[in-house]
PDB file of N, CA and C in Angstrom:
ATOM      1  N   MET A   1      99.011  92.236  99.776  1.00  0.00           N
ATOM      2  CA  MET A   1      98.261  93.460  99.855  1.00  0.00           C
ATOM      3  C   MET A   1      98.817  94.282 101.013  1.00  0.00           C
ATOM      4  N   ILE A   2      98.949  95.570 100.778  1.00  0.00           N
ATOM      5  CA  ILE A   2      99.365  96.504 101.818  1.00  0.00           C
ATOM      6  C   ILE A   2      98.223  97.491 102.000  1.00  0.00           C
ATOM      7  N   CYS A   3      97.688  97.582 103.216  1.00  0.00           N
ATOM      8  CA  CYS A   3      96.584  98.497 103.499  1.00  0.00           C
ATOM      9  C   CYS A   3      97.130  99.756 104.154  1.00  0.00           C
ATOM     10  N   LYS A   4      96.806 100.903 103.563  1.00  0.00           N
ATOM     11  CA  LYS A   4      97.188 102.201 104.102  1.00  0.00           C
ATOM     12  C   LYS A   4      95.899 102.930 104.448  1.00  0.00           C
ATOM     13  N   PRO A   5      95.961 103.986 105.258  1.00  0.00           N
ATOM     14  CA  PRO A   5      94.718 104.659 105.671  1.00  0.00           C
ATOM     15  C   PRO A   5      93.832 105.120 104.513  1.00  0.00           C
ATOM     16  N   ASP A   6      94.421 105.550 103.413  1.00  0.00           N
ATOM     17  CA  ASP A   6      93.618 106.096 102.321  1.00  0.00           C
ATOM     18  C   ASP A   6      93.590 105.238 101.064  1.00  0.00           C
ATOM     19  N   ARG A   7      94.308 104.104 101.049  1.00  0.00           N
ATOM     20  CA  ARG A   7      94.340 103.274  99.843  1.00  0.00           C
ATOM     21  C   ARG A   7      94.847 101.867 100.143  1.00  0.00           C
ATOM     22  N   LYS A   8      94.646 100.978  99.182  1.00  0.00           N
ATOM     23  CA  LYS A   8      95.178  99.616  99.242  1.00  0.00           C
ATOM     24  C   LYS A   8      96.112  99.427  98.063  1.00  0.00           C
ATOM     25  N   VAL A   9      97.226  98.752  98.292  1.00  0.00           N
ATOM     26  CA  VAL A   9      98.165  98.438  97.224  1.00  0.00           C
ATOM     27  C   VAL A   9      98.203  96.918  97.108  1.00  0.00           C
ATOM     28  N   ILE A  10      97.856  96.397  95.935  1.00  0.00           N
ATOM     29  CA  ILE A  10      97.784  94.955  95.709  1.00  0.00           C
ATOM     30  C   ILE A  10      98.877  94.561  94.722  1.00  0.00           C
ATOM     31  N   TYR A  11      99.689  93.598  95.125  1.00  0.00           N
ATOM     32  CA  TYR A  11     100.757  93.079  94.270  1.00  0.00           C
ATOM     33  C   TYR A  11     100.375  91.672  93.830  1.00  0.00           C
ATOM     34  N   SER A  12     100.665  91.315  92.567  1.00  0.00           N
ATOM     35  CA  SER A  12     100.346  89.973  92.094  1.00  0.00           C
ATOM     36  C   SER A  12     101.516  89.375  91.329  1.00  0.00           C
ATOM     37  N   SER A  13     101.455  88.062  91.149  1.00  0.00           N
ATOM     38  CA  SER A  13     102.528  87.287  90.502  1.00  0.00           C
ATOM     39  C   SER A  13     103.865  87.542  91.183  1.00  0.00           C
ATOM     40  N   CYS A  14     103.888  87.367  92.500  1.00  0.00           N
ATOM     41  CA  CYS A  14     105.089  87.648  93.299  1.00  0.00           C
ATOM     42  C   CYS A  14     105.996  86.425  93.393  1.00  0.00           C
ATOM     43  N   GLN A  15     107.291  86.696  93.486  1.00  0.00           N
ATOM     44  CA  GLN A  15     108.295  85.656  93.714  1.00  0.00           C
ATOM     45  C   GLN A  15     109.254  86.144  94.792  1.00  0.00           C
ATOM     46  N   TRP A  16     109.706  85.201  95.649  1.00  0.00           N
ATOM     47  CA  TRP A  16     110.700  85.538  96.667  1.00  0.00           C
ATOM     48  C   TRP A  16     111.990  85.951  95.986  1.00  0.00           C
ATOM     49  N   SER A  17     112.605  87.012  96.467  1.00  0.00           N
ATOM     50  CA  SER A  17     113.894  87.451  95.947  1.00  0.00           C
ATOM     51  C   SER A  17     114.982  87.230  96.997  1.00  0.00           C
ATOM     52  N   ALA A  18     114.654  87.526  98.268  1.00  0.00           N
ATOM     53  CA  ALA A  18     115.624  87.356  99.351  1.00  0.00           C
ATOM     54  C   ALA A  18     114.895  87.270 100.686  1.00  0.00           C
ATOM     55  N   ILE A  19     115.493  86.548 101.625  1.00  0.00           N
ATOM     56  CA  ILE A  19     114.991  86.470 102.995  1.00  0.00           C
ATOM     57  C   ILE A  19     116.187  86.645 103.922  1.00  0.00           C
ATOM     58  N   GLN A  20     116.094  87.602 104.855  1.00  0.00           N
ATOM     59  CA  GLN A  20     117.157  87.835 105.832  1.00  0.00           C
ATOM     60  C   GLN A  20     116.573  87.708 107.226  1.00  0.00           C
ATOM     61  N   GLU A  21     117.379  87.221 108.141  1.00  0.00           N
ATOM     62  CA  GLU A  21     116.944  87.019 109.517  1.00  0.00           C
ATOM     63  C   GLU A  21     118.006  87.571 110.448  1.00  0.00           C
ATOM     64  N   GLU A  22     117.566  88.288 111.490  1.00  0.00           N
ATOM     65  CA  GLU A  22     118.507  88.863 112.437  1.00  0.00           C
ATOM     66  C   GLU A  22     117.956  88.702 113.846  1.00  0.00           C
ATOM     67  N   GLY A  23     118.786  88.235 114.772  1.00  0.00           N
ATOM     68  CA  GLY A  23     118.353  88.077 116.149  1.00  0.00           C
ATOM     69  C   GLY A  23     119.362  87.321 116.977  1.00  0.00           C
ATOM     70  N   GLN A  24     119.081  87.245 118.252  1.00  0.00           N
ATOM     71  CA  GLN A  24     119.930  86.542 119.207  1.00  0.00           C
ATOM     72  C   GLN A  24     119.277  85.210 119.575  1.00  0.00           C
ATOM     73  N   LEU A  25     120.075  84.282 120.044  1.00  0.00           N
ATOM     74  CA  LEU A  25     119.586  82.980 120.470  1.00  0.00           C
ATOM     75  C   LEU A  25     118.584  83.156 121.610  1.00  0.00           C
ATOM     76  N   ASN A  26     117.461  82.458 121.546  1.00  0.00           N
ATOM     77  CA  ASN A  26     116.387  82.512 122.546  1.00  0.00           C
ATOM     78  C   ASN A  26     115.754  83.898 122.664  1.00  0.00           C
ATOM     79  N   ALA A  27     115.759  84.672 121.591  1.00  0.00           N
ATOM     80  CA  ALA A  27     115.145  85.998 121.586  1.00  0.00           C
ATOM     81  C   ALA A  27     114.288  86.138 120.326  1.00  0.00           C
ATOM     82  N   MET A  28     113.535  87.213 120.274  1.00  0.00           N
ATOM     83  CA  MET A  28     112.716  87.465 119.088  1.00  0.00           C
ATOM     84  C   MET A  28     113.620  87.718 117.888  1.00  0.00           C
ATOM     85  N   VAL A  29     113.118  87.385 116.716  1.00  0.00           N
ATOM     86  CA  VAL A  29     113.891  87.499 115.482  1.00  0.00           C
ATOM     87  C   VAL A  29     113.189  88.485 114.548  1.00  0.00           C
ATOM     88  N   ALA A  30     113.968  89.323 113.875  1.00  0.00           N
ATOM     89  CA  ALA A  30     113.436  90.220 112.844  1.00  0.00           C
ATOM     90  C   ALA A  30     113.725  89.597 111.490  1.00  0.00           C
ATOM     91  N   GLU A  31     112.701  89.509 110.661  1.00  0.00           N
ATOM     92  CA  GLU A  31     112.872  88.950 109.318  1.00  0.00           C
ATOM     93  C   GLU A  31     112.579  90.024 108.280  1.00  0.00           C
ATOM     94  N   LYS A  32     113.385  90.064 107.250  1.00  0.00           N
ATOM     95  CA  LYS A  32     113.178  90.973 106.121  1.00  0.00           C
ATOM     96  C   LYS A  32     112.993  90.114 104.880  1.00  0.00           C
ATOM     97  N   VAL A  33     111.837  90.273 104.240  1.00  0.00           N
ATOM     98  CA  VAL A  33     111.518  89.488 103.053  1.00  0.00           C
ATOM     99  C   VAL A  33     111.428  90.443 101.864  1.00  0.00           C
ATOM    100  N   THR A  34     112.137  90.127 100.802  1.00  0.00           N
ATOM    101  CA  THR A  34     112.100  90.919  99.576  1.00  0.00           C
ATOM    102  C   THR A  34     111.415  90.093  98.493  1.00  0.00           C
ATOM    103  N   VAL A  35     110.389  90.673  97.883  1.00  0.00           N
ATOM    104  CA  VAL A  35     109.671  89.984  96.812  1.00  0.00           C
ATOM    105  C   VAL A  35     109.682  90.847  95.554  1.00  0.00           C
ATOM    106  N   VAL A  36     109.525  90.189  94.424  1.00  0.00           N
ATOM    107  CA  VAL A  36     109.429  90.877  93.139  1.00  0.00           C
ATOM    108  C   VAL A  36     108.042  90.582  92.583  1.00  0.00           C
ATOM    109  N   ALA A  37     107.304  91.636  92.246  1.00  0.00           N
ATOM    110  CA  ALA A  37     105.952  91.480  91.711  1.00  0.00           C
ATOM    111  C   ALA A  37     105.914  91.946  90.263  1.00  0.00           C
ATOM    112  N   SER A  38     105.134  91.243  89.457  1.00  0.00           N
ATOM    113  CA  SER A  38     105.027  91.649  88.057  1.00  0.00           C
ATOM    114  C   SER A  38     103.900  92.659  87.840  1.00  0.00           C
ATOM    115  N   LYS A  39     103.003  92.809  88.844  1.00  0.00           N
ATOM    116  CA  LYS A  39     101.885  93.730  88.686  1.00  0.00           C
ATOM    117  C   LYS A  39     101.572  94.409  90.013  1.00  0.00           C
ATOM    118  N   ARG A  40     101.238  95.701  89.953  1.00  0.00           N
ATOM    119  CA  ARG A  40     100.892  96.486  91.140  1.00  0.00           C
ATOM    120  C   ARG A  40      99.638  97.286  90.829  1.00  0.00           C
ATOM    121  N   ILE A  41      98.628  97.172  91.712  1.00  0.00           N
ATOM    122  CA  ILE A  41      97.380  97.906  91.547  1.00  0.00           C
ATOM    123  C   ILE A  41      97.150  98.712  92.818  1.00  0.00           C
ATOM    124  N   GLU A  42      96.802  99.982  92.666  1.00  0.00           N
ATOM    125  CA  GLU A  42      96.529 100.838  93.811  1.00  0.00           C
ATOM    126  C   GLU A  42      95.078 101.295  93.736  1.00  0.00           C
ATOM    127  N   THR A  43      94.323 101.090  94.839  1.00  0.00           N
ATOM    128  CA  THR A  43      92.918 101.478  94.879  1.00  0.00           C
ATOM    129  C   THR A  43      92.666 102.346  96.098  1.00  0.00           C
ATOM    130  N   THR A  44      91.625 103.166  96.043  1.00  0.00           N
ATOM    131  CA  THR A  44      91.249 103.962  97.208  1.00  0.00           C
ATOM    132  C   THR A  44      90.476 103.084  98.170  1.00  0.00           C
ATOM    133  N   ALA A  45      90.645 103.336  99.454  1.00  0.00           N
ATOM    134  CA  ALA A  45      90.016 102.495 100.487  1.00  0.00           C
ATOM    135  C   ALA A  45      88.566 102.844 100.688  1.00  0.00           C
TER     136      ALA A  45
END
């Protein structure tokens, strides 16, 4: 689920597509996760 100020976006039946990681040793790491969803529902908040 992604919450935005004026709406919510709900994804279902998701599968991992890719995971990437970037960072230095002994430092914080940034991760990028890509998923594929078979259904998307958008509702007002």
